All heavy atoms as atom14 arrays in JSON, in Angstrom:
{
  "sequence": "AAACQNSSVNWVVKLHPDLVWKLKYEGFTGELRDSFAIRSKI",
  "atom14_mask": [
    [1, 1, 1, 1, 1, 0, 0, 0, 0, 0, 0, 0, 0, 0],
    [1, 1, 1, 1, 1, 0, 0, 0, 0, 0, 0, 0, 0, 0],
    [1, 1, 1, 1, 1, 0, 0, 0, 0, 0, 0, 0, 0, 0],
    [1, 1, 1, 1, 1, 1, 0, 0, 0, 0, 0, 0, 0, 0],
    [1, 1, 1, 1, 1, 1, 1, 1, 1, 0, 0, 0, 0, 0],
    [1, 1, 1, 1, 1, 1, 1, 1, 0, 0, 0, 0, 0, 0],
    [1, 1, 1, 1, 1, 1, 0, 0, 0, 0, 0, 0, 0, 0],
    [1, 1, 1, 1, 1, 1, 0, 0, 0, 0, 0, 0, 0, 0],
    [1, 1, 1, 1, 1, 1, 1, 0, 0, 0, 0, 0, 0, 0],
    [1, 1, 1, 1, 1, 1, 1, 1, 0, 0, 0, 0, 0, 0],
    [1, 1, 1, 1, 1, 1, 1, 1, 1, 1, 1, 1, 1, 1],
    [1, 1, 1, 1, 1, 1, 1, 0, 0, 0, 0, 0, 0, 0],
    [1, 1, 1, 1, 1, 1, 1, 0, 0, 0, 0, 0, 0, 0],
    [1, 1, 1, 1, 1, 1, 1, 1, 1, 0, 0, 0, 0, 0],
    [1, 1, 1, 1, 1, 1, 1, 1, 0, 0, 0, 0, 0, 0],
    [1, 1, 1, 1, 1, 1, 1, 1, 1, 1, 0, 0, 0, 0],
    [1, 1, 1, 1, 1, 1, 1, 0, 0, 0, 0, 0, 0, 0],
    [1, 1, 1, 1, 1, 1, 1, 1, 0, 0, 0, 0, 0, 0],
    [1, 1, 1, 1, 1, 1, 1, 1, 0, 0, 0, 0, 0, 0],
    [1, 1, 1, 1, 1, 1, 1, 0, 0, 0, 0, 0, 0, 0],
    [1, 1, 1, 1, 1, 1, 1, 1, 1, 1, 1, 1, 1, 1],
    [1, 1, 1, 1, 1, 1, 1, 1, 1, 0, 0, 0, 0, 0],
    [1, 1, 1, 1, 1, 1, 1, 1, 0, 0, 0, 0, 0, 0],
    [1, 1, 1, 1, 1, 1, 1, 1, 1, 0, 0, 0, 0, 0],
    [1, 1, 1, 1, 1, 1, 1, 1, 1, 1, 1, 1, 0, 0],
    [1, 1, 1, 1, 1, 1, 1, 1, 1, 0, 0, 0, 0, 0],
    [1, 1, 1, 1, 0, 0, 0, 0, 0, 0, 0, 0, 0, 0],
    [1, 1, 1, 1, 1, 1, 1, 1, 1, 1, 1, 0, 0, 0],
    [1, 1, 1, 1, 1, 1, 1, 0, 0, 0, 0, 0, 0, 0],
    [1, 1, 1, 1, 0, 0, 0, 0, 0, 0, 0, 0, 0, 0],
    [1, 1, 1, 1, 1, 1, 1, 1, 1, 0, 0, 0, 0, 0],
    [1, 1, 1, 1, 1, 1, 1, 1, 0, 0, 0, 0, 0, 0],
    [1, 1, 1, 1, 1, 1, 1, 1, 1, 1, 1, 0, 0, 0],
    [1, 1, 1, 1, 1, 1, 1, 1, 0, 0, 0, 0, 0, 0],
    [1, 1, 1, 1, 1, 1, 0, 0, 0, 0, 0, 0, 0, 0],
    [1, 1, 1, 1, 1, 1, 1, 1, 1, 1, 1, 0, 0, 0],
    [1, 1, 1, 1, 1, 0, 0, 0, 0, 0, 0, 0, 0, 0],
    [1, 1, 1, 1, 1, 1, 1, 1, 0, 0, 0, 0, 0, 0],
    [1, 1, 1, 1, 1, 1, 1, 1, 1, 1, 1, 0, 0, 0],
    [1, 1, 1, 1, 1, 1, 0, 0, 0, 0, 0, 0, 0, 0],
    [1, 1, 1, 1, 1, 1, 1, 1, 1, 0, 0, 0, 0, 0],
    [1, 1, 1, 1, 1, 1, 1, 1, 0, 0, 0, 0, 0, 0]
  ],
  "atom14_positions": [
    [[0.83, -1.21, 0.0], [0.0, 0.0, 0.0], [0.86, 1.26, 0.0], [0.58, 2.23, -0.72], [-0.93, -0.01, 1.21], [0.0, 0.0, 0.0], [0.0, 0.0, 0.0], [0.0, 0.0, 0.0], [0.0, 0.0, 0.0], [0.0, 0.0, 0.0], [0.0, 0.0, 0.0], [0.0, 0.0, 0.0], [0.0, 0.0, 0.0], [0.0, 0.0, 0.0]],
    [[1.94, 1.24, 0.78], [2.85, 2.39, 0.8], [3.59, 2.52, -0.52], [3.83, 3.63, -1.01], [3.85, 2.24, 1.96], [0.0, 0.0, 0.0], [0.0, 0.0, 0.0], [0.0, 0.0, 0.0], [0.0, 0.0, 0.0], [0.0, 0.0, 0.0], [0.0, 0.0, 0.0], [0.0, 0.0, 0.0], [0.0, 0.0, 0.0], [0.0, 0.0, 0.0]],
    [[3.94, 1.38, -1.13], [4.62, 1.4, -2.42], [3.74, 2.02, -3.5], [4.22, 2.71, -4.4], [5.04, -0.01, -2.81], [0.0, 0.0, 0.0], [0.0, 0.0, 0.0], [0.0, 0.0, 0.0], [0.0, 0.0, 0.0], [0.0, 0.0, 0.0], [0.0, 0.0, 0.0], [0.0, 0.0, 0.0], [0.0, 0.0, 0.0], [0.0, 0.0, 0.0]],
    [[2.45, 1.76, -3.4], [1.52, 2.31, -4.39], [1.52, 3.84, -4.37], [1.21, 4.48, -5.38], [0.1, 1.79, -4.12], [-0.12, 0.03, -4.47], [0.0, 0.0, 0.0], [0.0, 0.0, 0.0], [0.0, 0.0, 0.0], [0.0, 0.0, 0.0], [0.0, 0.0, 0.0], [0.0, 0.0, 0.0], [0.0, 0.0, 0.0], [0.0, 0.0, 0.0]],
    [[1.9, 4.42, -3.24], [1.92, 5.87, -3.11], [3.24, 6.49, -3.56], [3.38, 7.71, -3.58], [1.66, 6.26, -1.65], [0.33, 5.77, -1.1], [0.17, 6.1, 0.37], [0.51, 7.21, 0.81], [-0.34, 5.16, 1.15], [0.0, 0.0, 0.0], [0.0, 0.0, 0.0], [0.0, 0.0, 0.0], [0.0, 0.0, 0.0], [0.0, 0.0, 0.0]],
    [[4.21, 5.66, -3.88], [5.54, 6.16, -4.25], [5.89, 5.7, -5.66], [6.39, 4.59, -5.86], [6.59, 5.66, -3.25], [7.99, 6.19, -3.55], [8.2, 6.9, -4.52], [8.95, 5.83, -2.72], [0.0, 0.0, 0.0], [0.0, 0.0, 0.0], [0.0, 0.0, 0.0], [0.0, 0.0, 0.0], [0.0, 0.0, 0.0], [0.0, 0.0, 0.0]],
    [[5.65, 6.56, -6.62], [5.95, 6.22, -8.02], [7.31, 6.73, -8.46], [7.63, 6.7, -9.65], [4.86, 6.8, -8.93], [4.79, 8.22, -8.8], [0.0, 0.0, 0.0], [0.0, 0.0, 0.0], [0.0, 0.0, 0.0], [0.0, 0.0, 0.0], [0.0, 0.0, 0.0], [0.0, 0.0, 0.0], [0.0, 0.0, 0.0], [0.0, 0.0, 0.0]],
    [[8.13, 7.18, -7.49], [9.48, 7.66, -7.83], [10.41, 6.52, -8.2], [11.46, 6.75, -8.82], [10.06, 8.45, -6.66], [9.29, 9.6, -6.39], [0.0, 0.0, 0.0], [0.0, 0.0, 0.0], [0.0, 0.0, 0.0], [0.0, 0.0, 0.0], [0.0, 0.0, 0.0], [0.0, 0.0, 0.0], [0.0, 0.0, 0.0], [0.0, 0.0, 0.0]],
    [[10.05, 5.3, -7.81], [10.87, 4.12, -8.13], [9.96, 3.03, -8.68], [8.73, 3.07, -8.52], [11.62, 3.59, -6.89], [12.55, 4.64, -6.32], [10.64, 3.1, -5.83], [0.0, 0.0, 0.0], [0.0, 0.0, 0.0], [0.0, 0.0, 0.0], [0.0, 0.0, 0.0], [0.0, 0.0, 0.0], [0.0, 0.0, 0.0], [0.0, 0.0, 0.0]],
    [[10.56, 2.06, -9.36], [9.84, 0.84, -9.71], [9.67, 0.0, -8.44], [10.58, -0.05, -7.6], [10.63, 0.0, -10.73], [10.88, 0.72, -12.03], [9.96, 1.2, -12.67], [12.15, 0.79, -12.43], [0.0, 0.0, 0.0], [0.0, 0.0, 0.0], [0.0, 0.0, 0.0], [0.0, 0.0, 0.0], [0.0, 0.0, 0.0], [0.0, 0.0, 0.0]],
    [[8.54, -0.67, -8.34], [8.32, -1.59, -7.22], [8.04, -2.99, -7.75], [7.22, -3.16, -8.65], [7.14, -1.14, -6.36], [7.46, 0.06, -5.52], [7.27, 1.37, -5.86], [8.03, 0.06, -4.21], [7.69, 2.2, -4.84], [8.15, 1.42, -3.81], [8.43, -0.95, -3.33], [8.67, 1.78, -2.57], [8.95, -0.58, -2.1], [9.07, 0.76, -1.72]],
    [[8.74, -3.97, -7.19], [8.5, -5.36, -7.53], [8.16, -6.1, -6.24], [8.92, -6.03, -5.26], [9.74, -6.02, -8.19], [9.49, -7.5, -8.43], [10.08, -5.32, -9.5], [0.0, 0.0, 0.0], [0.0, 0.0, 0.0], [0.0, 0.0, 0.0], [0.0, 0.0, 0.0], [0.0, 0.0, 0.0], [0.0, 0.0, 0.0], [0.0, 0.0, 0.0]],
    [[7.03, -6.77, -6.22], [6.63, -7.58, -5.07], [6.83, -9.03, -5.46], [6.08, -9.59, -6.25], [5.16, -7.32, -4.69], [4.79, -8.14, -3.46], [4.92, -5.84, -4.45], [0.0, 0.0, 0.0], [0.0, 0.0, 0.0], [0.0, 0.0, 0.0], [0.0, 0.0, 0.0], [0.0, 0.0, 0.0], [0.0, 0.0, 0.0], [0.0, 0.0, 0.0]],
    [[7.89, -9.63, -4.93], [8.26, -11.0, -5.32], [7.77, -11.98, -4.26], [8.28, -11.99, -3.14], [9.77, -11.1, -5.49], [10.22, -12.44, -6.06], [11.73, -12.48, -6.25], [12.16, -13.78, -6.92], [11.71, -14.98, -6.18], [0.0, 0.0, 0.0], [0.0, 0.0, 0.0], [0.0, 0.0, 0.0], [0.0, 0.0, 0.0], [0.0, 0.0, 0.0]],
    [[6.8, -12.79, -4.64], [6.29, -13.79, -3.71], [7.31, -14.91, -3.54], [8.06, -15.24, -4.47], [4.95, -14.34, -4.2], [3.84, -13.28, -4.39], [2.51, -13.95, -4.68], [3.73, -12.36, -3.17], [0.0, 0.0, 0.0], [0.0, 0.0, 0.0], [0.0, 0.0, 0.0], [0.0, 0.0, 0.0], [0.0, 0.0, 0.0], [0.0, 0.0, 0.0]],
    [[7.32, -15.52, -2.38], [8.4, -16.44, -2.01], [8.41, -17.69, -2.89], [7.38, -18.35, -3.05], [8.24, -16.86, -0.54], [9.52, -17.3, 0.08], [10.17, -18.46, -0.3], [10.28, -16.75, 1.06], [11.26, -18.6, 0.42], [11.36, -17.58, 1.25], [0.0, 0.0, 0.0], [0.0, 0.0, 0.0], [0.0, 0.0, 0.0], [0.0, 0.0, 0.0]],
    [[9.58, -18.05, -3.45], [9.65, -19.23, -4.33], [9.37, -20.54, -3.62], [8.98, -21.53, -4.26], [11.09, -19.18, -4.86], [11.85, -18.37, -3.86], [10.88, -17.35, -3.35], [0.0, 0.0, 0.0], [0.0, 0.0, 0.0], [0.0, 0.0, 0.0], [0.0, 0.0, 0.0], [0.0, 0.0, 0.0], [0.0, 0.0, 0.0], [0.0, 0.0, 0.0]],
    [[9.55, -20.58, -2.29], [9.26, -21.82, -1.57], [7.8, -22.22, -1.64], [7.44, -23.37, -1.37], [9.66, -21.67, -0.09], [11.14, -21.95, 0.14], [11.85, -22.14, -0.86], [11.57, -21.94, 1.31], [0.0, 0.0, 0.0], [0.0, 0.0, 0.0], [0.0, 0.0, 0.0], [0.0, 0.0, 0.0], [0.0, 0.0, 0.0], [0.0, 0.0, 0.0]],
    [[6.95, -21.27, -2.01], [5.53, -21.59, -2.13], [5.29, -22.69, -3.17], [4.3, -23.42, -3.09], [4.73, -20.34, -2.49], [4.54, -19.32, -1.35], [3.99, -18.01, -1.88], [3.63, -19.9, -0.27], [0.0, 0.0, 0.0], [0.0, 0.0, 0.0], [0.0, 0.0, 0.0], [0.0, 0.0, 0.0], [0.0, 0.0, 0.0], [0.0, 0.0, 0.0]],
    [[6.2, -22.8, -4.15], [6.04, -23.81, -5.19], [5.96, -25.2, -4.57], [5.04, -25.97, -4.85], [7.2, -23.74, -6.21], [7.13, -24.92, -7.17], [7.15, -22.42, -6.98], [0.0, 0.0, 0.0], [0.0, 0.0, 0.0], [0.0, 0.0, 0.0], [0.0, 0.0, 0.0], [0.0, 0.0, 0.0], [0.0, 0.0, 0.0], [0.0, 0.0, 0.0]],
    [[6.93, -25.53, -3.7], [6.94, -26.87, -3.12], [6.11, -26.98, -1.85], [5.54, -28.02, -1.56], [8.38, -27.35, -2.88], [9.14, -26.65, -1.81], [9.94, -25.56, -1.94], [9.19, -27.01, -0.41], [10.48, -25.21, -0.73], [10.05, -26.08, 0.22], [8.62, -28.02, 0.34], [10.33, -26.13, 1.58], [8.89, -28.07, 1.71], [9.74, -27.13, 2.31]],
    [[5.98, -25.87, -1.09], [5.17, -25.93, 0.12], [3.7, -26.19, -0.21], [3.03, -27.0, 0.43], [5.32, -24.64, 0.92], [6.64, -24.52, 1.68], [6.7, -23.23, 2.45], [8.02, -23.08, 3.21], [8.11, -23.99, 4.36], [0.0, 0.0, 0.0], [0.0, 0.0, 0.0], [0.0, 0.0, 0.0], [0.0, 0.0, 0.0], [0.0, 0.0, 0.0]],
    [[3.19, -25.5, -1.24], [1.79, -25.7, -1.62], [1.58, -27.04, -2.3], [0.53, -27.66, -2.16], [1.33, -24.55, -2.53], [1.28, -23.18, -1.85], [0.83, -22.11, -2.83], [0.36, -23.2, -0.63], [0.0, 0.0, 0.0], [0.0, 0.0, 0.0], [0.0, 0.0, 0.0], [0.0, 0.0, 0.0], [0.0, 0.0, 0.0], [0.0, 0.0, 0.0]],
    [[2.6, -27.49, -3.02], [2.51, -28.81, -3.64], [2.45, -29.88, -2.56], [1.7, -30.86, -2.66], [3.71, -29.05, -4.57], [3.6, -30.34, -5.38], [4.75, -30.47, -6.35], [4.62, -31.72, -7.2], [3.42, -31.69, -8.06], [0.0, 0.0, 0.0], [0.0, 0.0, 0.0], [0.0, 0.0, 0.0], [0.0, 0.0, 0.0], [0.0, 0.0, 0.0]],
    [[3.23, -29.69, -1.51], [3.23, -30.63, -0.39], [1.85, -30.67, 0.27], [1.38, -31.72, 0.7], [4.29, -30.22, 0.62], [4.49, -31.2, 1.74], [5.33, -32.29, 1.58], [3.85, -31.03, 2.96], [5.52, -33.21, 2.6], [4.03, -31.93, 3.99], [4.86, -33.03, 3.81], [5.05, -33.93, 4.83], [0.0, 0.0, 0.0], [0.0, 0.0, 0.0]],
    [[1.19, -29.49, 0.36], [-0.13, -29.42, 0.97], [-1.24, -29.82, 0.01], [-2.39, -29.97, 0.43], [-0.39, -28.0, 1.48], [0.57, -27.53, 2.57], [0.37, -28.27, 3.87], [-0.76, -28.76, 4.1], [1.33, -28.38, 4.65], [0.0, 0.0, 0.0], [0.0, 0.0, 0.0], [0.0, 0.0, 0.0], [0.0, 0.0, 0.0], [0.0, 0.0, 0.0]],
    [[-0.92, -29.94, -1.27], [-1.94, -30.28, -2.26], [-2.88, -29.12, -2.55], [-4.03, -29.32, -2.97], [0.0, 0.0, 0.0], [0.0, 0.0, 0.0], [0.0, 0.0, 0.0], [0.0, 0.0, 0.0], [0.0, 0.0, 0.0], [0.0, 0.0, 0.0], [0.0, 0.0, 0.0], [0.0, 0.0, 0.0], [0.0, 0.0, 0.0], [0.0, 0.0, 0.0]],
    [[-2.39, -27.88, -2.36], [-3.22, -26.69, -2.55], [-3.06, -26.15, -3.96], [-1.95, -26.0, -4.45], [-2.83, -25.62, -1.53], [-3.66, -24.36, -1.62], [-4.9, -24.3, -1.03], [-3.17, -23.25, -2.29], [-5.67, -23.14, -1.11], [-3.93, -22.09, -2.38], [-5.18, -22.04, -1.79], [0.0, 0.0, 0.0], [0.0, 0.0, 0.0], [0.0, 0.0, 0.0]],
    [[-4.17, -25.83, -4.61], [-4.12, -25.34, -5.99], [-4.91, -24.05, -6.19], [-5.05, -23.58, -7.32], [-4.66, -26.41, -6.97], [-5.99, -26.76, -6.58], [-3.78, -27.65, -6.96], [0.0, 0.0, 0.0], [0.0, 0.0, 0.0], [0.0, 0.0, 0.0], [0.0, 0.0, 0.0], [0.0, 0.0, 0.0], [0.0, 0.0, 0.0], [0.0, 0.0, 0.0]],
    [[-5.45, -23.46, -5.14], [-6.25, -22.25, -5.28], [-5.4, -20.99, -5.37], [-4.18, -21.05, -5.55], [0.0, 0.0, 0.0], [0.0, 0.0, 0.0], [0.0, 0.0, 0.0], [0.0, 0.0, 0.0], [0.0, 0.0, 0.0], [0.0, 0.0, 0.0], [0.0, 0.0, 0.0], [0.0, 0.0, 0.0], [0.0, 0.0, 0.0], [0.0, 0.0, 0.0]],
    [[-6.05, -19.84, -5.24], [-5.34, -18.56, -5.3], [-4.43, -18.42, -4.08], [-4.81, -18.77, -2.95], [-6.33, -17.4, -5.33], [-5.66, -16.03, -5.42], [-6.65, -14.88, -5.45], [-7.86, -15.13, -5.24], [-6.22, -13.73, -5.68], [0.0, 0.0, 0.0], [0.0, 0.0, 0.0], [0.0, 0.0, 0.0], [0.0, 0.0, 0.0], [0.0, 0.0, 0.0]],
    [[-3.24, -17.89, -4.3], [-2.31, -17.7, -3.2], [-2.89, -16.72, -2.2], [-3.48, -15.7, -2.57], [-0.97, -17.16, -3.73], [-0.14, -18.11, -4.58], [1.11, -17.4, -5.08], [0.24, -19.35, -3.79], [0.0, 0.0, 0.0], [0.0, 0.0, 0.0], [0.0, 0.0, 0.0], [0.0, 0.0, 0.0], [0.0, 0.0, 0.0], [0.0, 0.0, 0.0]],
    [[-2.66, -17.01, -0.93], [-3.15, -16.13, 0.12], [-2.53, -14.74, -0.03], [-3.17, -13.72, 0.25], [-2.8, -16.74, 1.47], [-3.15, -15.88, 2.67], [-2.85, -16.61, 3.96], [-2.81, -15.73, 5.1], [-2.5, -16.12, 6.33], [-2.2, -17.39, 6.54], [-2.49, -15.26, 7.32], [0.0, 0.0, 0.0], [0.0, 0.0, 0.0], [0.0, 0.0, 0.0]],
    [[-1.27, -14.69, -0.47], [-0.56, -13.42, -0.64], [-1.28, -12.52, -1.63], [-1.57, -11.35, -1.34], [0.88, -13.67, -1.12], [1.56, -14.79, -0.38], [1.03, -15.93, -0.42], [2.63, -14.57, 0.2], [0.0, 0.0, 0.0], [0.0, 0.0, 0.0], [0.0, 0.0, 0.0], [0.0, 0.0, 0.0], [0.0, 0.0, 0.0], [0.0, 0.0, 0.0]],
    [[-1.51, -13.05, -2.84], [-2.14, -12.25, -3.88], [-3.59, -11.93, -3.52], [-4.11, -10.85, -3.84], [-2.08, -12.97, -5.23], [-2.66, -14.25, -5.16], [0.0, 0.0, 0.0], [0.0, 0.0, 0.0], [0.0, 0.0, 0.0], [0.0, 0.0, 0.0], [0.0, 0.0, 0.0], [0.0, 0.0, 0.0], [0.0, 0.0, 0.0], [0.0, 0.0, 0.0]],
    [[-4.28, -12.85, -2.82], [-5.65, -12.59, -2.39], [-5.69, -11.42, -1.4], [-6.56, -10.55, -1.49], [-6.26, -13.83, -1.76], [-7.61, -13.6, -1.16], [-8.74, -13.56, -1.97], [-7.76, -13.42, 0.2], [-10.0, -13.33, -1.42], [-9.01, -13.19, 0.77], [-10.14, -13.15, -0.06], [0.0, 0.0, 0.0], [0.0, 0.0, 0.0], [0.0, 0.0, 0.0]],
    [[-4.74, -11.42, -0.46], [-4.7, -10.34, 0.54], [-4.45, -9.0, -0.12], [-5.1, -7.99, 0.21], [-3.62, -10.64, 1.57], [0.0, 0.0, 0.0], [0.0, 0.0, 0.0], [0.0, 0.0, 0.0], [0.0, 0.0, 0.0], [0.0, 0.0, 0.0], [0.0, 0.0, 0.0], [0.0, 0.0, 0.0], [0.0, 0.0, 0.0], [0.0, 0.0, 0.0]],
    [[-3.52, -8.97, -1.08], [-3.22, -7.72, -1.78], [-4.43, -7.26, -2.59], [-4.81, -6.08, -2.58], [-1.98, -7.91, -2.69], [-0.72, -8.13, -1.83], [-1.79, -6.7, -3.6], [0.5, -8.53, -2.62], [0.0, 0.0, 0.0], [0.0, 0.0, 0.0], [0.0, 0.0, 0.0], [0.0, 0.0, 0.0], [0.0, 0.0, 0.0], [0.0, 0.0, 0.0]],
    [[-5.04, -8.19, -3.31], [-6.18, -7.84, -4.17], [-7.37, -7.37, -3.35], [-8.03, -6.39, -3.71], [-6.56, -9.05, -5.02], [-7.77, -8.82, -5.93], [-7.98, -10.0, -6.85], [-8.17, -11.25, -6.13], [-9.31, -11.63, -5.57], [-10.38, -10.84, -5.63], [-9.41, -12.79, -4.95], [0.0, 0.0, 0.0], [0.0, 0.0, 0.0], [0.0, 0.0, 0.0]],
    [[-7.64, -8.04, -2.23], [-8.83, -7.71, -1.46], [-8.68, -6.42, -0.66], [-9.67, -5.72, -0.41], [-9.18, -8.87, -0.51], [-8.12, -9.1, 0.4], [0.0, 0.0, 0.0], [0.0, 0.0, 0.0], [0.0, 0.0, 0.0], [0.0, 0.0, 0.0], [0.0, 0.0, 0.0], [0.0, 0.0, 0.0], [0.0, 0.0, 0.0], [0.0, 0.0, 0.0]],
    [[-7.46, -6.09, -0.27], [-7.26, -4.91, 0.57], [-6.74, -3.69, -0.19], [-6.83, -2.57, 0.31], [-6.32, -5.26, 1.73], [-6.9, -6.32, 2.65], [-5.98, -6.65, 3.81], [-6.59, -7.73, 4.7], [-5.71, -8.07, 5.85], [0.0, 0.0, 0.0], [0.0, 0.0, 0.0], [0.0, 0.0, 0.0], [0.0, 0.0, 0.0], [0.0, 0.0, 0.0]],
    [[-6.16, -3.91, -1.37], [-5.61, -2.8, -2.14], [-6.33, -2.65, -3.47], [-6.58, -1.54, -3.95], [-4.09, -2.98, -2.36], [-3.36, -2.98, -1.01], [-3.54, -1.89, -3.27], [-1.89, -3.26, -1.11], [0.0, 0.0, 0.0], [0.0, 0.0, 0.0], [0.0, 0.0, 0.0], [0.0, 0.0, 0.0], [0.0, 0.0, 0.0], [0.0, 0.0, 0.0]]
  ]
}
C-alpha cells in the first residue's frame, strides 16, 4: 500500500519461491493467500 503511493521508483513484489513446493506438499491449488490479501485490501 505504501509502495503504491511512491511512483518515484519501480516496485517489484516478489512472492516467495518456496511456495512452489510448500503448496505442492499441501496439495493446494487455489489462489495464493498473498495475492488474495493484496487484491482484497488494495
